[in-house]
Amino acid sequence: MTLADKLLQDFKELPDEKKRQVIDFVEFLRAKQQQELEQMMDSVIAENKEAFLELAK
């Protein structure tokens, strides 16, 4: 059984309120991951601002 199969099987057995909590948690993790990616990109841009400005010419 794959990890996805196990997760889906366990998810199906939960009551609706618990399913909503699982979905909320997954959405939280995705938002956190997106925020971390954006912070990393902001850092890369800030650290290389002069190079980017030079390339933009």
PDB file of N, CA and C in Angstrom:
ATOM      1  N   MET A   1       0.848  -1.180   0.000  1.00  0.00           N
ATOM      2  CA  MET A   1       0.000   0.000   0.000  1.00  0.00           C
ATOM      3  C   MET A   1       0.891   1.240   0.000  1.00  0.00           C
ATOM      4  N   THR A   2       0.588   2.155  -0.900  1.00  0.00           N
ATOM      5  CA  THR A   2       1.372   3.381  -0.961  1.00  0.00           C
ATOM      6  C   THR A   2       0.954   4.325   0.167  1.00  0.00           C
ATOM      7  N   LEU A   3       1.775   5.314   0.382  1.00  0.00           N
ATOM      8  CA  LEU A   3       1.472   6.316   1.395  1.00  0.00           C
ATOM      9  C   LEU A   3       0.157   7.032   1.069  1.00  0.00           C
ATOM     10  N   ALA A   4      -0.043   7.339  -0.202  1.00  0.00           N
ATOM     11  CA  ALA A   4      -1.280   8.007  -0.628  1.00  0.00           C
ATOM     12  C   ALA A   4      -2.496   7.113  -0.384  1.00  0.00           C
ATOM     13  N   ASP A   5      -2.352   5.827  -0.672  1.00  0.00           N
ATOM     14  CA  ASP A   5      -3.454   4.889  -0.426  1.00  0.00           C
ATOM     15  C   ASP A   5      -3.793   4.825   1.060  1.00  0.00           C
ATOM     16  N   LYS A   6      -2.767   4.759   1.894  1.00  0.00           N
ATOM     17  CA  LYS A   6      -2.972   4.703   3.349  1.00  0.00           C
ATOM     18  C   LYS A   6      -3.657   5.969   3.839  1.00  0.00           C
ATOM     19  N   LEU A   7      -3.194   7.109   3.362  1.00  0.00           N
ATOM     20  CA  LEU A   7      -3.786   8.375   3.769  1.00  0.00           C
ATOM     21  C   LEU A   7      -5.253   8.448   3.356  1.00  0.00           C
ATOM     22  N   LEU A   8      -5.535   8.062   2.124  1.00  0.00           N
ATOM     23  CA  LEU A   8      -6.911   8.102   1.639  1.00  0.00           C
ATOM     24  C   LEU A   8      -7.807   7.147   2.419  1.00  0.00           C
ATOM     25  N   GLN A   9      -7.305   5.967   2.709  1.00  0.00           N
ATOM     26  CA  GLN A   9      -8.075   4.982   3.479  1.00  0.00           C
ATOM     27  C   GLN A   9      -8.389   5.533   4.873  1.00  0.00           C
ATOM     28  N   ASP A  10      -7.379   6.064   5.539  1.00  0.00           N
ATOM     29  CA  ASP A  10      -7.588   6.617   6.883  1.00  0.00           C
ATOM     30  C   ASP A  10      -8.520   7.822   6.833  1.00  0.00           C
ATOM     31  N   PHE A  11      -8.358   8.658   5.818  1.00  0.00           N
ATOM     32  CA  PHE A  11      -9.196   9.847   5.674  1.00  0.00           C
ATOM     33  C   PHE A  11     -10.666   9.465   5.521  1.00  0.00           C
ATOM     34  N   LYS A  12     -10.932   8.470   4.700  1.00  0.00           N
ATOM     35  CA  LYS A  12     -12.310   8.037   4.458  1.00  0.00           C
ATOM     36  C   LYS A  12     -13.005   7.559   5.731  1.00  0.00           C
ATOM     37  N   GLU A  13     -12.240   7.063   6.682  1.00  0.00           N
ATOM     38  CA  GLU A  13     -12.813   6.524   7.913  1.00  0.00           C
ATOM     39  C   GLU A  13     -13.103   7.601   8.965  1.00  0.00           C
ATOM     40  N   LEU A  14     -12.640   8.803   8.737  1.00  0.00           N
ATOM     41  CA  LEU A  14     -12.844   9.882   9.701  1.00  0.00           C
ATOM     42  C   LEU A  14     -14.255  10.458   9.593  1.00  0.00           C
ATOM     43  N   PRO A  15     -14.770  10.959  10.719  1.00  0.00           N
ATOM     44  CA  PRO A  15     -16.044  11.703  10.643  1.00  0.00           C
ATOM     45  C   PRO A  15     -15.812  13.019   9.891  1.00  0.00           C
ATOM     46  N   ASP A  16     -16.885  13.604   9.375  1.00  0.00           N
ATOM     47  CA  ASP A  16     -16.780  14.800   8.537  1.00  0.00           C
ATOM     48  C   ASP A  16     -16.025  15.942   9.218  1.00  0.00           C
ATOM     49  N   GLU A  17     -16.264  16.165  10.495  1.00  0.00           N
ATOM     50  CA  GLU A  17     -15.580  17.261  11.198  1.00  0.00           C
ATOM     51  C   GLU A  17     -14.061  17.037  11.208  1.00  0.00           C
ATOM     52  N   LYS A  18     -13.635  15.805  11.409  1.00  0.00           N
ATOM     53  CA  LYS A  18     -12.198  15.498  11.397  1.00  0.00           C
ATOM     54  C   LYS A  18     -11.636  15.627   9.988  1.00  0.00           C
ATOM     55  N   LYS A  19     -12.431  15.266   8.986  1.00  0.00           N
ATOM     56  CA  LYS A  19     -11.986  15.442   7.600  1.00  0.00           C
ATOM     57  C   LYS A  19     -11.737  16.922   7.321  1.00  0.00           C
ATOM     58  N   ARG A  20     -12.638  17.782   7.815  1.00  0.00           N
ATOM     59  CA  ARG A  20     -12.476  19.225   7.627  1.00  0.00           C
ATOM     60  C   ARG A  20     -11.177  19.700   8.283  1.00  0.00           C
ATOM     61  N   GLN A  21     -10.858  19.150   9.454  1.00  0.00           N
ATOM     62  CA  GLN A  21      -9.622  19.527  10.139  1.00  0.00           C
ATOM     63  C   GLN A  21      -8.394  19.096   9.348  1.00  0.00           C
ATOM     64  N   VAL A  22      -8.466  17.910   8.764  1.00  0.00           N
ATOM     65  CA  VAL A  22      -7.348  17.425   7.940  1.00  0.00           C
ATOM     66  C   VAL A  22      -7.164  18.342   6.733  1.00  0.00           C
ATOM     67  N   ILE A  23      -8.249  18.701   6.081  1.00  0.00           N
ATOM     68  CA  ILE A  23      -8.170  19.595   4.921  1.00  0.00           C
ATOM     69  C   ILE A  23      -7.611  20.948   5.330  1.00  0.00           C
ATOM     70  N   ASP A  24      -8.075  21.476   6.452  1.00  0.00           N
ATOM     71  CA  ASP A  24      -7.555  22.755   6.943  1.00  0.00           C
ATOM     72  C   ASP A  24      -6.054  22.675   7.200  1.00  0.00           C
ATOM     73  N   PHE A  25      -5.605  21.555   7.784  1.00  0.00           N
ATOM     74  CA  PHE A  25      -4.184  21.391   8.082  1.00  0.00           C
ATOM     75  C   PHE A  25      -3.358  21.311   6.802  1.00  0.00           C
ATOM     76  N   VAL A  26      -3.844  20.590   5.819  1.00  0.00           N
ATOM     77  CA  VAL A  26      -3.139  20.482   4.540  1.00  0.00           C
ATOM     78  C   VAL A  26      -3.044  21.862   3.882  1.00  0.00           C
ATOM     79  N   GLU A  27      -4.129  22.622   3.927  1.00  0.00           N
ATOM     80  CA  GLU A  27      -4.106  23.969   3.361  1.00  0.00           C
ATOM     81  C   GLU A  27      -3.129  24.865   4.116  1.00  0.00           C
ATOM     82  N   PHE A  28      -3.064  24.705   5.434  1.00  0.00           N
ATOM     83  CA  PHE A  28      -2.096  25.450   6.239  1.00  0.00           C
ATOM     84  C   PHE A  28      -0.670  25.108   5.814  1.00  0.00           C
ATOM     85  N   LEU A  29      -0.382  23.822   5.649  1.00  0.00           N
ATOM     86  CA  LEU A  29       0.961  23.398   5.242  1.00  0.00           C
ATOM     87  C   LEU A  29       1.322  23.943   3.864  1.00  0.00           C
ATOM     88  N   ARG A  30       0.373  23.934   2.948  1.00  0.00           N
ATOM     89  CA  ARG A  30       0.638  24.457   1.609  1.00  0.00           C
ATOM     90  C   ARG A  30       0.896  25.965   1.653  1.00  0.00           C
ATOM     91  N   ALA A  31       0.118  26.686   2.447  1.00  0.00           N
ATOM     92  CA  ALA A  31       0.313  28.131   2.573  1.00  0.00           C
ATOM     93  C   ALA A  31       1.667  28.434   3.204  1.00  0.00           C
ATOM     94  N   LYS A  32       2.030  27.646   4.201  1.00  0.00           N
ATOM     95  CA  LYS A  32       3.329  27.825   4.859  1.00  0.00           C
ATOM     96  C   LYS A  32       4.464  27.568   3.874  1.00  0.00           C
ATOM     97  N   GLN A  33       4.318  26.535   3.081  1.00  0.00           N
ATOM     98  CA  GLN A  33       5.336  26.218   2.082  1.00  0.00           C
ATOM     99  C   GLN A  33       5.459  27.345   1.061  1.00  0.00           C
ATOM    100  N   GLN A  34       4.328  27.889   0.635  1.00  0.00           N
ATOM    101  CA  GLN A  34       4.334  28.996  -0.318  1.00  0.00           C
ATOM    102  C   GLN A  34       5.002  30.221   0.293  1.00  0.00           C
ATOM    103  N   GLN A  35       4.693  30.500   1.551  1.00  0.00           N
ATOM    104  CA  GLN A  35       5.289  31.652   2.233  1.00  0.00           C
ATOM    105  C   GLN A  35       6.804  31.481   2.349  1.00  0.00           C
ATOM    106  N   GLU A  36       7.249  30.273   2.672  1.00  0.00           N
ATOM    107  CA  GLU A  36       8.687  30.021   2.779  1.00  0.00           C
ATOM    108  C   GLU A  36       9.370  30.206   1.430  1.00  0.00           C
ATOM    109  N   LEU A  37       8.719  29.769   0.367  1.00  0.00           N
ATOM    110  CA  LEU A  37       9.274  29.937  -0.977  1.00  0.00           C
ATOM    111  C   LEU A  37       9.370  31.419  -1.332  1.00  0.00           C
ATOM    112  N   GLU A  38       8.314  32.173  -1.010  1.00  0.00           N
ATOM    113  CA  GLU A  38       8.327  33.608  -1.299  1.00  0.00           C
ATOM    114  C   GLU A  38       9.420  34.319  -0.508  1.00  0.00           C
ATOM    115  N   GLN A  39       9.615  33.934   0.741  1.00  0.00           N
ATOM    116  CA  GLN A  39      10.670  34.543   1.552  1.00  0.00           C
ATOM    117  C   GLN A  39      12.046  34.216   0.983  1.00  0.00           C
ATOM    118  N   MET A  40      12.218  32.992   0.518  1.00  0.00           N
ATOM    119  CA  MET A  40      13.487  32.597  -0.072  1.00  0.00           C
ATOM    120  C   MET A  40      13.759  33.413  -1.336  1.00  0.00           C
ATOM    121  N   MET A  41      12.725  33.575  -2.170  1.00  0.00           N
ATOM    122  CA  MET A  41      12.893  34.353  -3.393  1.00  0.00           C
ATOM    123  C   MET A  41      13.181  35.819  -3.075  1.00  0.00           C
ATOM    124  N   ASP A  42      12.499  36.376  -2.084  1.00  0.00           N
ATOM    125  CA  ASP A  42      12.775  37.759  -1.675  1.00  0.00           C
ATOM    126  C   ASP A  42      14.218  37.905  -1.223  1.00  0.00           C
ATOM    127  N   SER A  43      14.717  36.902  -0.513  1.00  0.00           N
ATOM    128  CA  SER A  43      16.094  36.927  -0.035  1.00  0.00           C
ATOM    129  C   SER A  43      17.082  36.866  -1.204  1.00  0.00           C
ATOM    130  N   VAL A  44      16.815  35.991  -2.148  1.00  0.00           N
ATOM    131  CA  VAL A  44      17.685  35.875  -3.325  1.00  0.00           C
ATOM    132  C   VAL A  44      17.700  37.188  -4.094  1.00  0.00           C
ATOM    133  N   ILE A  45      16.532  37.773  -4.262  1.00  0.00           N
ATOM    134  CA  ILE A  45      16.450  39.047  -4.983  1.00  0.00           C
ATOM    135  C   ILE A  45      17.207  40.145  -4.239  1.00  0.00           C
ATOM    136  N   ALA A  46      17.002  40.227  -2.926  1.00  0.00           N
ATOM    137  CA  ALA A  46      17.674  41.254  -2.131  1.00  0.00           C
ATOM    138  C   ALA A  46      19.194  41.075  -2.172  1.00  0.00           C
ATOM    139  N   GLU A  47      19.657  39.839  -2.079  1.00  0.00           N
ATOM    140  CA  GLU A  47      21.097  39.571  -2.067  1.00  0.00           C
ATOM    141  C   GLU A  47      21.743  39.842  -3.423  1.00  0.00           C
ATOM    142  N   ASN A  48      20.947  39.805  -4.478  1.00  0.00           N
ATOM    143  CA  ASN A  48      21.495  39.960  -5.825  1.00  0.00           C
ATOM    144  C   ASN A  48      20.916  41.165  -6.555  1.00  0.00           C
ATOM    145  N   LYS A  49      20.450  42.131  -5.806  1.00  0.00           N
ATOM    146  CA  LYS A  49      19.782  43.294  -6.385  1.00  0.00           C
ATOM    147  C   LYS A  49      20.648  44.000  -7.420  1.00  0.00           C
ATOM    148  N   GLU A  50      21.888  44.257  -7.074  1.00  0.00           N
ATOM    149  CA  GLU A  50      22.775  44.970  -8.003  1.00  0.00           C
ATOM    150  C   GLU A  50      22.966  44.186  -9.294  1.00  0.00           C
ATOM    151  N   ALA A  51      23.126  42.877  -9.185  1.00  0.00           N
ATOM    152  CA  ALA A  51      23.302  42.061 -10.385  1.00  0.00           C
ATOM    153  C   ALA A  51      22.053  42.087 -11.246  1.00  0.00           C
ATOM    154  N   PHE A  52      20.888  42.004 -10.621  1.00  0.00           N
ATOM    155  CA  PHE A  52      19.633  42.060 -11.374  1.00  0.00           C
ATOM    156  C   PHE A  52      19.459  43.416 -12.054  1.00  0.00           C
ATOM    157  N   LEU A  53      19.806  44.482 -11.371  1.00  0.00           N
ATOM    158  CA  LEU A  53      19.709  45.814 -11.962  1.00  0.00           C
ATOM    159  C   LEU A  53      20.652  45.939 -13.159  1.00  0.00           C
ATOM    160  N   GLU A  54      21.816  45.371 -13.033  1.00  0.00           N
ATOM    161  CA  GLU A  54      22.777  45.414 -14.142  1.00  0.00           C
ATOM    162  C   GLU A  54      22.268  44.603 -15.330  1.00  0.00           C
ATOM    163  N   LEU A  55      21.698  43.462 -15.053  1.00  0.00           N
ATOM    164  CA  LEU A  55      21.151  42.627 -16.135  1.00  0.00           C
ATOM    165  C   LEU A  55      19.948  43.288 -16.816  1.00  0.00           C
ATOM    166  N   ALA A  56      19.226  44.098 -16.080  1.00  0.00           N
ATOM    167  CA  ALA A  56      18.029  44.744 -16.609  1.00  0.00           C
ATOM    168  C   ALA A  56      18.357  45.859 -17.597  1.00  0.00           C
ATOM    169  N   LYS A  57      19.608  46.279 -17.625  1.00  0.00           N
ATOM    170  CA  LYS A  57      19.988  47.398 -18.519  1.00  0.00           C
ATOM    171  C   LYS A  57      19.977  46.953 -19.974  1.00  0.00           C
TER     172      LYS A  57
END
